[in-house]
């Protein structure tokens, strides 16, 4: 798989996880930002809707934020 294909595949998985976790976009962005993310809220929303590509480290941070928030609902 090429880097572009890897990025697209990751974005698709991330968007699916975001939808399944039913997270609030503002809460997600705040958590992502608090763990070191540097993309703006509009960039995150565009990324999750397939119209913007984040750098690999930012994609990983967003995935981590979704994972952490998604798992906090059981607490």
C-alpha atoms as a PDB file:
ATOM      1  CA  UNK A   1       0.000   0.000   0.000  1.00  0.00           C
ATOM      2  CA  UNK A   2       1.299   3.495  -0.780  1.00  0.00           C
ATOM      3  CA  UNK A   3       1.520   6.250   1.827  1.00  0.00           C
ATOM      4  CA  UNK A   4      -1.557   7.910   0.291  1.00  0.00           C
ATOM      5  CA  UNK A   5      -3.519   4.670   0.455  1.00  0.00           C
ATOM      6  CA  UNK A   6      -2.407   4.104   4.041  1.00  0.00           C
ATOM      7  CA  UNK A   7      -3.560   7.598   4.962  1.00  0.00           C
ATOM      8  CA  UNK A   8      -6.926   7.104   3.278  1.00  0.00           C
ATOM      9  CA  UNK A   9      -7.422   3.743   4.989  1.00  0.00           C
ATOM     10  CA  UNK A  10      -6.557   5.252   8.368  1.00  0.00           C
ATOM     11  CA  UNK A  11      -8.925   8.165   7.776  1.00  0.00           C
ATOM     12  CA  UNK A  12     -11.750   5.759   6.927  1.00  0.00           C
ATOM     13  CA  UNK A  13     -11.133   3.724  10.098  1.00  0.00           C
ATOM     14  CA  UNK A  14     -10.908   6.883  12.206  1.00  0.00           C
ATOM     15  CA  UNK A  15     -14.130   8.342  10.806  1.00  0.00           C
ATOM     16  CA  UNK A  16     -15.927   5.037  11.407  1.00  0.00           C
ATOM     17  CA  UNK A  17     -14.669   4.892  15.017  1.00  0.00           C
ATOM     18  CA  UNK A  18     -15.742   8.502  15.578  1.00  0.00           C
ATOM     19  CA  UNK A  19     -19.266   7.765  14.309  1.00  0.00           C
ATOM     20  CA  UNK A  20     -19.566   4.538  16.294  1.00  0.00           C
ATOM     21  CA  UNK A  21     -18.436   6.205  19.523  1.00  0.00           C
ATOM     22  CA  UNK A  22     -20.979   9.004  18.941  1.00  0.00           C
ATOM     23  CA  UNK A  23     -18.526  11.601  20.191  1.00  0.00           C
ATOM     24  CA  UNK A  24     -19.135  15.317  20.298  1.00  0.00           C
ATOM     25  CA  UNK A  25     -16.827  17.087  17.817  1.00  0.00           C
ATOM     26  CA  UNK A  26     -15.911  19.885  20.239  1.00  0.00           C
ATOM     27  CA  UNK A  27     -15.094  17.438  23.027  1.00  0.00           C
ATOM     28  CA  UNK A  28     -13.003  15.361  20.624  1.00  0.00           C
ATOM     29  CA  UNK A  29     -11.064  18.388  19.405  1.00  0.00           C
ATOM     30  CA  UNK A  30     -10.405  19.630  22.953  1.00  0.00           C
ATOM     31  CA  UNK A  31      -9.074  16.231  24.008  1.00  0.00           C
ATOM     32  CA  UNK A  32      -7.002  15.848  20.831  1.00  0.00           C
ATOM     33  CA  UNK A  33      -5.534  19.326  21.377  1.00  0.00           C
ATOM     34  CA  UNK A  34      -4.814  18.599  25.045  1.00  0.00           C
ATOM     35  CA  UNK A  35      -2.687  15.563  24.129  1.00  0.00           C
ATOM     36  CA  UNK A  36      -0.565  17.513  21.655  1.00  0.00           C
ATOM     37  CA  UNK A  37      -2.628  17.786  18.489  1.00  0.00           C
ATOM     38  CA  UNK A  38      -2.061  20.949  16.502  1.00  0.00           C
ATOM     39  CA  UNK A  39      -4.782  20.836  13.839  1.00  0.00           C
ATOM     40  CA  UNK A  40      -7.727  23.182  14.233  1.00  0.00           C
ATOM     41  CA  UNK A  41     -11.263  22.035  14.909  1.00  0.00           C
ATOM     42  CA  UNK A  42     -12.297  22.760  11.313  1.00  0.00           C
ATOM     43  CA  UNK A  43      -9.385  20.683  10.000  1.00  0.00           C
ATOM     44  CA  UNK A  44     -10.399  17.756  12.209  1.00  0.00           C
ATOM     45  CA  UNK A  45     -13.987  17.971  11.035  1.00  0.00           C
ATOM     46  CA  UNK A  46     -12.884  18.181   7.388  1.00  0.00           C
ATOM     47  CA  UNK A  47     -10.576  15.195   7.910  1.00  0.00           C
ATOM     48  CA  UNK A  48     -13.387  13.103   9.380  1.00  0.00           C
ATOM     49  CA  UNK A  49     -15.598  14.026   6.412  1.00  0.00           C
ATOM     50  CA  UNK A  50     -12.942  13.043   3.870  1.00  0.00           C
ATOM     51  CA  UNK A  51     -12.050  16.466   2.502  1.00  0.00           C
ATOM     52  CA  UNK A  52      -8.718  17.082   4.257  1.00  0.00           C
ATOM     53  CA  UNK A  53      -5.668  14.976   5.080  1.00  0.00           C
ATOM     54  CA  UNK A  54      -3.791  15.308   8.353  1.00  0.00           C
ATOM     55  CA  UNK A  55      -0.083  14.571   8.736  1.00  0.00           C
ATOM     56  CA  UNK A  56       0.606  11.034  10.001  1.00  0.00           C
ATOM     57  CA  UNK A  57       1.466  12.066  13.586  1.00  0.00           C
ATOM     58  CA  UNK A  58      -1.725  14.138  13.789  1.00  0.00           C
ATOM     59  CA  UNK A  59      -3.777  11.218  12.472  1.00  0.00           C
ATOM     60  CA  UNK A  60      -2.304   9.017  15.186  1.00  0.00           C
ATOM     61  CA  UNK A  61      -3.045  11.590  17.898  1.00  0.00           C
ATOM     62  CA  UNK A  62      -6.638  11.879  16.696  1.00  0.00           C
ATOM     63  CA  UNK A  63      -7.004   8.088  16.737  1.00  0.00           C
ATOM     64  CA  UNK A  64      -5.655   8.059  20.278  1.00  0.00           C
ATOM     65  CA  UNK A  65      -8.070  10.793  21.381  1.00  0.00           C
ATOM     66  CA  UNK A  66     -11.035   8.895  19.922  1.00  0.00           C
ATOM     67  CA  UNK A  67      -9.873   5.707  21.624  1.00  0.00           C
ATOM     68  CA  UNK A  68      -9.505   7.425  24.998  1.00  0.00           C
ATOM     69  CA  UNK A  69     -12.843   9.234  24.805  1.00  0.00           C
ATOM     70  CA  UNK A  70     -14.651   6.205  23.435  1.00  0.00           C
ATOM     71  CA  UNK A  71     -13.407   4.060  26.303  1.00  0.00           C
ATOM     72  CA  UNK A  72     -14.268   6.645  28.971  1.00  0.00           C
ATOM     73  CA  UNK A  73     -18.014   6.160  28.475  1.00  0.00           C
ATOM     74  CA  UNK A  74     -17.954   2.949  30.483  1.00  0.00           C
ATOM     75  CA  UNK A  75     -16.516   4.719  33.535  1.00  0.00           C
END
